[in-house]
Each structure stands twice: as structure tokens, then as C-alpha cells.
């Protein structure tokens, strides 16, 4: 079978040697005894592992050479920290570390710049999410993560969403050999009354901070659908007072959400 040459960062992938598990164990023993050449062999013998991970990111960057270098940094960190006492294959240990390094690089080099404070919240939220998943045996809700961090749901949800990768509206999502379907074709109609999760959370939190009478009037007007006249009769105040309370409540909501 022909071996095709692909070069990335000056490395001919067709000539990369893949180590057996037994060879890896022996090299780790030599490295831990101070043999620097063994570490170099471990790096070179696992470059295909890096390449296999990078395949899923090929459409996310124009510079695969840079991404390959980043993946190699993750590989070296995994080699430096791996312990044969783990009793797991090196690849099982290394994949999350390489993936983490690549994802961090892509986040930090996203074309949309995210404030460092928001990134910090996102990283803390993801760490807490992983810890709680292990503790609870299920994925925690945004509300639980927010309580653990002492933050609002909106802050946590906004931070996590800010770290998601952007994608072009004209990214092809399906092609059966005929017409290509793009992401833009599948977006909701702008006239439909759909709102983001962030807005729902922000609105719920803002409503909870309103005065009770303002909250009741806004809920009755915009959720239940009552008229100002109906509310005036129910509460026992004038329609003008209902109108003023509604207006002040809406202005307060707008300030809190903005």
C-alpha cells in the first residue's frame, strides 16, 4: 500500500513511527532514570496521536502548523507527568491533556475577543461543573454552578457561552451531492418570538428584584394578558396609577437587563 507524504511543521507524517505499548513502557522507565534520548523517542513516537486529535479541528484554523506545535506542547506535558503507576495506557492519559492545550489555544485566539474576567469565570465554572458532575453523578444545572461560585446564573451562563466557538452563517452543514444546505438556512425566522436562554435568566432575575406591585402588574399585563382597566378594578387604584407603575417597572427591568 502506498504511503502518502503529508508535511506539517516540517515533519513527514508518513515516516512517523508508532510505538507499541511495551516499547513505551520501556522508554518511560529509561526516561525516569535520566535518559533524555528516551523522552525524545517518546515524543516522536506519539506524534501520530497528536495528528489524530487535530483532525477534528481542521476546519477551525488556517494554520495547522501552529496547532500541531500546540498539540505537541500538550504531548510533552503528558509525557512529563505520566506515571507508570497509573496502570493506564499512555494514550488514555495523554488525549485529554493534548485536547485541553488545543482548545485553550483556540479559545485564546478566537477572532472575537472575550474579556479576561469573563474567561476566568468560564474556566472556574467549567472546573466546578466537572467537580460537581463527579460528586453528583450527573451534570449540574447552571443554577447549581452559580450558587457554588457565588455568582448569578446570568453571569455564569454568559461566561460559558462566550467561550463557545464561533461559526460562519454560511458553514455548509449538509450536501447530498446536489444543493448545499448552509447554517443560515436553518436559522429561526427573525419574526418568530424566540429568545435566548441568557435573556430568560436575566429577565427572571430582574423581575425578582422589582417591587411586589410592579412585578404583579407586569406579570398580569404581559404574561396573563390583563388590561390596565381590569387591573385597576382588581387592585382598587386608578388606571393612571396602573400605567405609572407599569412604566416604572419596565424602566427598572430595562436598566437591570442592559
C-alpha atoms as a PDB file:
ATOM      1  CA  UNK A   1       0.000   0.000   0.000  1.00  0.00           C
ATOM      2  CA  UNK A   2       1.340   3.429  -0.937  1.00  0.00           C
ATOM      3  CA  UNK A   3       2.279   5.777   1.911  1.00  0.00           C
ATOM      4  CA  UNK A   4       1.349   9.330   1.170  1.00  0.00           C
ATOM      5  CA  UNK A   5       3.608  12.117   2.366  1.00  0.00           C
ATOM      6  CA  UNK A   6       1.999  14.913   4.342  1.00  0.00           C
ATOM      7  CA  UNK A   7       4.237  17.559   5.893  1.00  0.00           C
ATOM      8  CA  UNK A   8       3.226  19.569   8.917  1.00  0.00           C
ATOM      9  CA  UNK A   9       5.724  21.762  10.754  1.00  0.00           C
ATOM     10  CA  UNK A  10       8.412  20.152   8.602  1.00  0.00           C
ATOM     11  CA  UNK A  11       7.510  16.639   9.799  1.00  0.00           C
ATOM     12  CA  UNK A  12       6.853  13.964   7.187  1.00  0.00           C
ATOM     13  CA  UNK A  13       3.886  12.142   8.713  1.00  0.00           C
ATOM     14  CA  UNK A  14       4.442   9.103   6.527  1.00  0.00           C
ATOM     15  CA  UNK A  15       7.691   8.384   8.363  1.00  0.00           C
ATOM     16  CA  UNK A  16       6.416   8.744  11.921  1.00  0.00           C
ATOM     17  CA  UNK A  17       6.992   5.597  13.909  1.00  0.00           C
ATOM     18  CA  UNK A  18       4.165   4.357  16.143  1.00  0.00           C
ATOM     19  CA  UNK A  19       5.387   2.780  19.380  1.00  0.00           C
ATOM     20  CA  UNK A  20       3.923  -0.373  20.861  1.00  0.00           C
ATOM     21  CA  UNK A  21       2.740  -0.316  24.472  1.00  0.00           C
ATOM     22  CA  UNK A  22       5.725  -2.431  25.502  1.00  0.00           C
ATOM     23  CA  UNK A  23       8.152  -0.024  23.801  1.00  0.00           C
ATOM     24  CA  UNK A  24       6.503   2.910  25.557  1.00  0.00           C
ATOM     25  CA  UNK A  25       6.802   1.307  28.987  1.00  0.00           C
ATOM     26  CA  UNK A  26      10.482   0.621  28.401  1.00  0.00           C
ATOM     27  CA  UNK A  27      11.114   4.191  27.196  1.00  0.00           C
ATOM     28  CA  UNK A  28       9.324   5.658  30.211  1.00  0.00           C
ATOM     29  CA  UNK A  29      11.497   3.568  32.522  1.00  0.00           C
ATOM     30  CA  UNK A  30      14.631   4.811  30.725  1.00  0.00           C
ATOM     31  CA  UNK A  31      13.413   8.441  30.799  1.00  0.00           C
ATOM     32  CA  UNK A  32      12.673   8.261  34.513  1.00  0.00           C
ATOM     33  CA  UNK A  33      16.221   7.008  35.014  1.00  0.00           C
ATOM     34  CA  UNK A  34      17.592  10.135  33.341  1.00  0.00           C
ATOM     35  CA  UNK A  35      17.842   9.035  29.685  1.00  0.00           C
ATOM     36  CA  UNK A  36      16.955  12.173  27.690  1.00  0.00           C
ATOM     37  CA  UNK A  37      17.029  10.333  24.378  1.00  0.00           C
ATOM     38  CA  UNK A  38      14.161   8.160  25.628  1.00  0.00           C
ATOM     39  CA  UNK A  39      11.981  11.267  26.085  1.00  0.00           C
ATOM     40  CA  UNK A  40      12.733  12.363  22.524  1.00  0.00           C
ATOM     41  CA  UNK A  41      11.745   8.921  21.251  1.00  0.00           C
ATOM     42  CA  UNK A  42       8.504   9.095  23.237  1.00  0.00           C
ATOM     43  CA  UNK A  43       7.677  12.457  21.679  1.00  0.00           C
ATOM     44  CA  UNK A  44       8.446  11.307  18.134  1.00  0.00           C
ATOM     45  CA  UNK A  45       6.647   8.013  18.689  1.00  0.00           C
ATOM     46  CA  UNK A  46       3.405   9.757  19.680  1.00  0.00           C
ATOM     47  CA  UNK A  47       3.184  12.461  17.012  1.00  0.00           C
ATOM     48  CA  UNK A  48       0.502  10.487  15.181  1.00  0.00           C
ATOM     49  CA  UNK A  49      -1.592  10.638  18.352  1.00  0.00           C
ATOM     50  CA  UNK A  50      -1.376  14.440  18.143  1.00  0.00           C
ATOM     51  CA  UNK A  51      -2.297  14.373  14.446  1.00  0.00           C
ATOM     52  CA  UNK A  52      -5.309  12.127  15.054  1.00  0.00           C
ATOM     53  CA  UNK A  53      -6.634  14.622  17.625  1.00  0.00           C
ATOM     54  CA  UNK A  54      -6.055  17.611  15.312  1.00  0.00           C
ATOM     55  CA  UNK A  55      -8.253  16.133  12.563  1.00  0.00           C
ATOM     56  CA  UNK A  56     -11.413  17.298  14.321  1.00  0.00           C
ATOM     57  CA  UNK A  57     -10.086  20.868  14.400  1.00  0.00           C
ATOM     58  CA  UNK A  58      -9.003  21.098  10.756  1.00  0.00           C
ATOM     59  CA  UNK A  59     -11.889  23.435   9.861  1.00  0.00           C
ATOM     60  CA  UNK A  60     -11.272  25.753  12.818  1.00  0.00           C
ATOM     61  CA  UNK A  61      -7.926  27.270  11.865  1.00  0.00           C
ATOM     62  CA  UNK A  62      -5.988  28.244   8.768  1.00  0.00           C
ATOM     63  CA  UNK A  63      -2.658  27.397  10.350  1.00  0.00           C
ATOM     64  CA  UNK A  64      -2.407  23.710  11.201  1.00  0.00           C
ATOM     65  CA  UNK A  65       1.351  24.091  11.768  1.00  0.00           C
ATOM     66  CA  UNK A  66       0.681  26.285  14.804  1.00  0.00           C
ATOM     67  CA  UNK A  67      -1.983  23.911  16.069  1.00  0.00           C
ATOM     68  CA  UNK A  68       0.389  20.966  15.652  1.00  0.00           C
ATOM     69  CA  UNK A  69       3.007  22.770  17.757  1.00  0.00           C
ATOM     70  CA  UNK A  70       0.381  23.427  20.442  1.00  0.00           C
ATOM     71  CA  UNK A  71      -0.659  19.772  20.366  1.00  0.00           C
ATOM     72  CA  UNK A  72       2.982  18.787  20.821  1.00  0.00           C
ATOM     73  CA  UNK A  73       3.196  21.011  23.913  1.00  0.00           C
ATOM     74  CA  UNK A  74       0.263  19.059  25.348  1.00  0.00           C
ATOM     75  CA  UNK A  75       2.014  15.805  24.439  1.00  0.00           C
ATOM     76  CA  UNK A  76       5.227  16.866  26.190  1.00  0.00           C
ATOM     77  CA  UNK A  77       3.281  17.870  29.309  1.00  0.00           C
ATOM     78  CA  UNK A  78       1.604  14.456  29.294  1.00  0.00           C
ATOM     79  CA  UNK A  79       4.973  12.696  28.943  1.00  0.00           C
ATOM     80  CA  UNK A  80       6.480  14.753  31.782  1.00  0.00           C
ATOM     81  CA  UNK A  81       3.574  13.999  34.123  1.00  0.00           C
ATOM     82  CA  UNK A  82       2.797  10.379  33.220  1.00  0.00           C
ATOM     83  CA  UNK A  83       3.463   7.762  35.851  1.00  0.00           C
ATOM     84  CA  UNK A  84       3.580   4.049  35.090  1.00  0.00           C
ATOM     85  CA  UNK A  85       1.761   3.505  38.395  1.00  0.00           C
ATOM     86  CA  UNK A  86      -1.371   4.909  36.745  1.00  0.00           C
ATOM     87  CA  UNK A  87      -1.850   1.471  35.160  1.00  0.00           C
ATOM     88  CA  UNK A  88      -3.494   3.023  32.096  1.00  0.00           C
ATOM     89  CA  UNK A  89      -2.235   3.290  28.567  1.00  0.00           C
ATOM     90  CA  UNK A  90      -0.312   6.463  27.864  1.00  0.00           C
ATOM     91  CA  UNK A  91      -2.710   7.436  25.062  1.00  0.00           C
ATOM     92  CA  UNK A  92      -5.648   7.320  27.504  1.00  0.00           C
ATOM     93  CA  UNK A  93      -3.788   9.717  29.792  1.00  0.00           C
ATOM     94  CA  UNK A  94      -2.413  11.973  27.049  1.00  0.00           C
ATOM     95  CA  UNK A  95      -5.520  12.626  24.923  1.00  0.00           C
ATOM     96  CA  UNK A  96      -7.303  14.917  27.460  1.00  0.00           C
ATOM     97  CA  UNK A  97      -4.099  16.909  28.018  1.00  0.00           C
ATOM     98  CA  UNK A  98      -3.480  17.409  24.304  1.00  0.00           C
ATOM     99  CA  UNK A  99      -7.127  18.278  23.724  1.00  0.00           C
ATOM    100  CA  UNK A 100      -7.079  20.766  26.596  1.00  0.00           C
ATOM    101  CA  UNK A 101      -3.998  22.509  25.221  1.00  0.00           C
ATOM    102  CA  UNK A 102      -5.511  22.767  21.730  1.00  0.00           C
ATOM    103  CA  UNK A 103      -8.877  24.045  22.998  1.00  0.00           C
ATOM    104  CA  UNK A 104      -7.214  26.673  25.187  1.00  0.00           C
ATOM    105  CA  UNK A 105      -5.198  27.888  22.217  1.00  0.00           C
ATOM    106  CA  UNK A 106      -8.297  28.137  20.024  1.00  0.00           C
ATOM    107  CA  UNK A 107     -10.226  29.982  22.734  1.00  0.00           C
ATOM    108  CA  UNK A 108      -7.418  32.455  23.400  1.00  0.00           C
ATOM    109  CA  UNK A 109      -7.004  33.111  19.678  1.00  0.00           C
ATOM    110  CA  UNK A 110     -10.688  33.397  18.873  1.00  0.00           C
ATOM    111  CA  UNK A 111     -11.421  36.217  16.422  1.00  0.00           C
ATOM    112  CA  UNK A 112     -13.969  37.537  18.925  1.00  0.00           C
ATOM    113  CA  UNK A 113     -12.054  38.843  21.922  1.00  0.00           C
ATOM    114  CA  UNK A 114     -13.521  37.921  25.299  1.00  0.00           C
ATOM    115  CA  UNK A 115     -12.664  39.919  28.422  1.00  0.00           C
ATOM    116  CA  UNK A 116     -10.213  38.177  30.765  1.00  0.00           C
ATOM    117  CA  UNK A 117     -12.652  38.496  33.708  1.00  0.00           C
ATOM    118  CA  UNK A 118     -15.325  36.628  31.718  1.00  0.00           C
ATOM    119  CA  UNK A 119     -12.800  33.966  30.696  1.00  0.00           C
ATOM    120  CA  UNK A 120     -11.842  33.499  34.345  1.00  0.00           C
ATOM    121  CA  UNK A 121     -15.489  32.957  35.295  1.00  0.00           C
ATOM    122  CA  UNK A 122     -15.890  30.484  32.436  1.00  0.00           C
ATOM    123  CA  UNK A 123     -12.824  28.454  33.450  1.00  0.00           C
ATOM    124  CA  UNK A 124     -13.962  28.402  37.103  1.00  0.00           C
ATOM    125  CA  UNK A 125     -17.476  27.389  36.050  1.00  0.00           C
ATOM    126  CA  UNK A 126     -16.176  24.536  33.868  1.00  0.00           C
ATOM    127  CA  UNK A 127     -13.930  23.314  36.706  1.00  0.00           C
ATOM    128  CA  UNK A 128     -16.822  23.398  39.191  1.00  0.00           C
ATOM    129  CA  UNK A 129     -19.061  21.691  36.627  1.00  0.00           C
ATOM    130  CA  UNK A 130     -16.592  18.813  36.305  1.00  0.00           C
ATOM    131  CA  UNK A 131     -16.200  18.503  40.083  1.00  0.00           C
ATOM    132  CA  UNK A 132     -19.962  18.533  40.681  1.00  0.00           C
ATOM    133  CA  UNK A 133     -20.559  16.017  37.887  1.00  0.00           C
ATOM    134  CA  UNK A 134     -18.197  13.614  39.649  1.00  0.00           C
ATOM    135  CA  UNK A 135     -19.792  14.308  43.046  1.00  0.00           C
ATOM    136  CA  UNK A 136     -23.449  14.252  41.994  1.00  0.00           C
ATOM    137  CA  UNK A 137     -23.164  11.581  39.322  1.00  0.00           C
ATOM    138  CA  UNK A 138     -24.943  13.879  36.862  1.00  0.00           C
ATOM    139  CA  UNK A 139     -24.333  17.174  35.094  1.00  0.00           C
ATOM    140  CA  UNK A 140     -25.199  20.127  37.371  1.00  0.00           C
ATOM    141  CA  UNK A 141     -27.528  22.921  36.267  1.00  0.00           C
ATOM    142  CA  UNK A 142     -26.286  26.462  35.668  1.00  0.00           C
ATOM    143  CA  UNK A 143     -28.157  27.468  38.836  1.00  0.00           C
ATOM    144  CA  UNK A 144     -26.175  24.997  40.975  1.00  0.00           C
ATOM    145  CA  UNK A 145     -22.855  26.093  39.424  1.00  0.00           C
ATOM    146  CA  UNK A 146     -23.764  29.743  40.019  1.00  0.00           C
ATOM    147  CA  UNK A 147     -24.588  29.051  43.685  1.00  0.00           C
ATOM    148  CA  UNK A 148     -21.265  27.244  44.118  1.00  0.00           C
ATOM    149  CA  UNK A 149     -19.373  30.235  42.671  1.00  0.00           C
ATOM    150  CA  UNK A 150     -21.477  32.860  44.438  1.00  0.00           C
ATOM    151  CA  UNK A 151     -22.480  34.411  41.103  1.00  0.00           C
ATOM    152  CA  UNK A 152     -25.737  34.960  39.235  1.00  0.00           C
ATOM    153  CA  UNK A 153     -26.988  32.439  36.671  1.00  0.00           C
ATOM    154  CA  UNK A 154     -26.714  35.118  34.007  1.00  0.00           C
ATOM    155  CA  UNK A 155     -23.008  35.744  34.744  1.00  0.00           C
ATOM    156  CA  UNK A 156     -22.180  32.036  34.612  1.00  0.00           C
ATOM    157  CA  UNK A 157     -24.242  31.261  31.524  1.00  0.00           C
ATOM    158  CA  UNK A 158     -22.900  34.318  29.705  1.00  0.00           C
ATOM    159  CA  UNK A 159     -19.290  33.391  30.535  1.00  0.00           C
ATOM    160  CA  UNK A 160     -19.666  29.773  29.390  1.00  0.00           C
ATOM    161  CA  UNK A 161     -21.387  30.829  26.171  1.00  0.00           C
ATOM    162  CA  UNK A 162     -18.674  33.391  25.446  1.00  0.00           C
ATOM    163  CA  UNK A 163     -16.119  30.568  25.216  1.00  0.00           C
ATOM    164  CA  UNK A 164     -18.038  28.648  22.577  1.00  0.00           C
ATOM    165  CA  UNK A 165     -16.510  28.643  19.142  1.00  0.00           C
ATOM    166  CA  UNK A 166     -17.953  30.950  16.543  1.00  0.00           C
ATOM    167  CA  UNK A 167     -19.115  29.541  13.236  1.00  0.00           C
ATOM    168  CA  UNK A 168     -19.916  31.181   9.947  1.00  0.00           C
ATOM    169  CA  UNK A 169     -23.588  31.503   8.977  1.00  0.00           C
ATOM    170  CA  UNK A 170     -22.503  30.108   5.625  1.00  0.00           C
ATOM    171  CA  UNK A 171     -20.884  26.990   7.065  1.00  0.00           C
ATOM    172  CA  UNK A 172     -22.156  24.044   4.950  1.00  0.00           C
ATOM    173  CA  UNK A 173     -23.969  21.540   7.185  1.00  0.00           C
ATOM    174  CA  UNK A 174     -25.289  19.096   4.573  1.00  0.00           C
ATOM    175  CA  UNK A 175     -24.579  18.186   0.983  1.00  0.00           C
ATOM    176  CA  UNK A 176     -26.049  15.143  -0.731  1.00  0.00           C
ATOM    177  CA  UNK A 177     -24.290  15.853  -3.994  1.00  0.00           C
ATOM    178  CA  UNK A 178     -26.875  18.410  -5.033  1.00  0.00           C
ATOM    179  CA  UNK A 179     -27.698  21.709  -3.383  1.00  0.00           C
ATOM    180  CA  UNK A 180     -25.689  22.541  -0.273  1.00  0.00           C
ATOM    181  CA  UNK A 181     -27.595  23.439   2.888  1.00  0.00           C
ATOM    182  CA  UNK A 182     -25.918  26.175   4.922  1.00  0.00           C
ATOM    183  CA  UNK A 183     -26.313  27.027   8.595  1.00  0.00           C
ATOM    184  CA  UNK A 184     -28.122  30.259   7.657  1.00  0.00           C
ATOM    185  CA  UNK A 185     -30.843  28.158   6.001  1.00  0.00           C
ATOM    186  CA  UNK A 186     -31.609  26.518   9.344  1.00  0.00           C
ATOM    187  CA  UNK A 187     -31.765  29.655  11.500  1.00  0.00           C
ATOM    188  CA  UNK A 188     -35.096  30.622  13.043  1.00  0.00           C
ATOM    189  CA  UNK A 189     -37.188  33.224  11.269  1.00  0.00           C
ATOM    190  CA  UNK A 190     -36.415  36.646  12.722  1.00  0.00           C
ATOM    191  CA  UNK A 191     -40.161  37.325  13.044  1.00  0.00           C
ATOM    192  CA  UNK A 192     -40.665  34.385  15.414  1.00  0.00           C
ATOM    193  CA  UNK A 193     -40.803  35.213  19.082  1.00  0.00           C
ATOM    194  CA  UNK A 194     -37.775  33.195  20.269  1.00  0.00           C
ATOM    195  CA  UNK A 195     -35.437  34.446  22.984  1.00  0.00           C
ATOM    196  CA  UNK A 196     -32.038  33.305  24.196  1.00  0.00           C
ATOM    197  CA  UNK A 197     -31.537  31.441  27.448  1.00  0.00           C
ATOM    198  CA  UNK A 198     -29.407  34.334  28.721  1.00  0.00           C
ATOM    199  CA  UNK A 199     -32.314  36.759  28.249  1.00  0.00           C
ATOM    200  CA  UNK A 200     -34.734  34.438  30.054  1.00  0.00           C
ATOM    201  CA  UNK A 201     -32.347  34.145  33.025  1.00  0.00           C
ATOM    202  CA  UNK A 202     -31.663  37.894  33.117  1.00  0.00           C
ATOM    203  CA  UNK A 203     -35.384  38.694  32.916  1.00  0.00           C
ATOM    204  CA  UNK A 204     -36.296  36.241  35.680  1.00  0.00           C
ATOM    205  CA  UNK A 205     -33.616  37.686  37.988  1.00  0.00           C
ATOM    206  CA  UNK A 206     -34.638  41.265  37.199  1.00  0.00           C
ATOM    207  CA  UNK A 207     -38.318  40.518  37.857  1.00  0.00           C
ATOM    208  CA  UNK A 208     -37.464  39.089  41.265  1.00  0.00           C
ATOM    209  CA  UNK A 209     -35.902  42.436  42.245  1.00  0.00           C
ATOM    210  CA  UNK A 210     -38.957  44.560  41.376  1.00  0.00           C
ATOM    211  CA  UNK A 211     -41.389  45.889  43.953  1.00  0.00           C
ATOM    212  CA  UNK A 212     -44.215  43.416  44.500  1.00  0.00           C
ATOM    213  CA  UNK A 213     -46.927  45.618  42.990  1.00  0.00           C
ATOM    214  CA  UNK A 214     -44.817  46.404  39.867  1.00  0.00           C
ATOM    215  CA  UNK A 215     -43.965  42.731  39.475  1.00  0.00           C
ATOM    216  CA  UNK A 216     -47.617  41.693  39.714  1.00  0.00           C
ATOM    217  CA  UNK A 217     -48.750  44.337  37.209  1.00  0.00           C
ATOM    218  CA  UNK A 218     -46.079  43.420  34.629  1.00  0.00           C
ATOM    219  CA  UNK A 219     -46.773  39.694  35.051  1.00  0.00           C
ATOM    220  CA  UNK A 220     -50.529  40.250  34.709  1.00  0.00           C
ATOM    221  CA  UNK A 221     -50.153  42.561  31.703  1.00  0.00           C
ATOM    222  CA  UNK A 222     -47.565  40.625  29.665  1.00  0.00           C
ATOM    223  CA  UNK A 223     -47.989  37.015  30.766  1.00  0.00           C
ATOM    224  CA  UNK A 224     -51.653  36.737  31.725  1.00  0.00           C
ATOM    225  CA  UNK A 225     -52.811  39.415  29.272  1.00  0.00           C
ATOM    226  CA  UNK A 226     -54.978  41.562  31.517  1.00  0.00           C
ATOM    227  CA  UNK A 227     -55.823  45.158  30.592  1.00  0.00           C
ATOM    228  CA  UNK A 228     -54.940  48.166  32.715  1.00  0.00           C
ATOM    229  CA  UNK A 229     -58.651  48.685  33.405  1.00  0.00           C
ATOM    230  CA  UNK A 230     -59.029  45.113  34.686  1.00  0.00           C
ATOM    231  CA  UNK A 231     -56.014  45.546  36.975  1.00  0.00           C
ATOM    232  CA  UNK A 232     -57.245  48.906  38.227  1.00  0.00           C
ATOM    233  CA  UNK A 233     -60.560  47.322  39.205  1.00  0.00           C
ATOM    234  CA  UNK A 234     -58.854  44.297  40.784  1.00  0.00           C
ATOM    235  CA  UNK A 235     -56.275  46.228  42.824  1.00  0.00           C
ATOM    236  CA  UNK A 236     -58.539  49.174  43.631  1.00  0.00           C
ATOM    237  CA  UNK A 237     -56.486  52.015  42.170  1.00  0.00           C
ATOM    238  CA  UNK A 238     -56.885  54.195  39.080  1.00  0.00           C
ATOM    239  CA  UNK A 239     -55.870  53.197  35.566  1.00  0.00           C
ATOM    240  CA  UNK A 240     -53.403  56.127  35.562  1.00  0.00           C
ATOM    241  CA  UNK A 241     -51.686  54.646  38.625  1.00  0.00           C
ATOM    242  CA  UNK A 242     -51.535  51.229  36.949  1.00  0.00           C
ATOM    243  CA  UNK A 243     -49.977  52.895  33.897  1.00  0.00           C
ATOM    244  CA  UNK A 244     -47.340  54.683  36.005  1.00  0.00           C
ATOM    245  CA  UNK A 245     -46.442  51.501  37.939  1.00  0.00           C
ATOM    246  CA  UNK A 246     -46.196  49.523  34.717  1.00  0.00           C
ATOM    247  CA  UNK A 247     -43.957  52.159  33.141  1.00  0.00           C
ATOM    248  CA  UNK A 248     -41.653  52.409  36.178  1.00  0.00           C
ATOM    249  CA  UNK A 249     -41.427  48.602  36.373  1.00  0.00           C
ATOM    250  CA  UNK A 250     -40.499  48.302  32.698  1.00  0.00           C
ATOM    251  CA  UNK A 251     -37.874  51.037  33.026  1.00  0.00           C
ATOM    252  CA  UNK A 252     -36.366  49.249  36.045  1.00  0.00           C
ATOM    253  CA  UNK A 253     -36.285  45.960  34.124  1.00  0.00           C
ATOM    254  CA  UNK A 254     -34.595  47.611  31.150  1.00  0.00           C
ATOM    255  CA  UNK A 255     -31.879  49.119  33.356  1.00  0.00           C
ATOM    256  CA  UNK A 256     -31.182  45.781  35.080  1.00  0.00           C
ATOM    257  CA  UNK A 257     -31.052  43.798  31.815  1.00  0.00           C
ATOM    258  CA  UNK A 258     -28.999  46.405  29.911  1.00  0.00           C
END
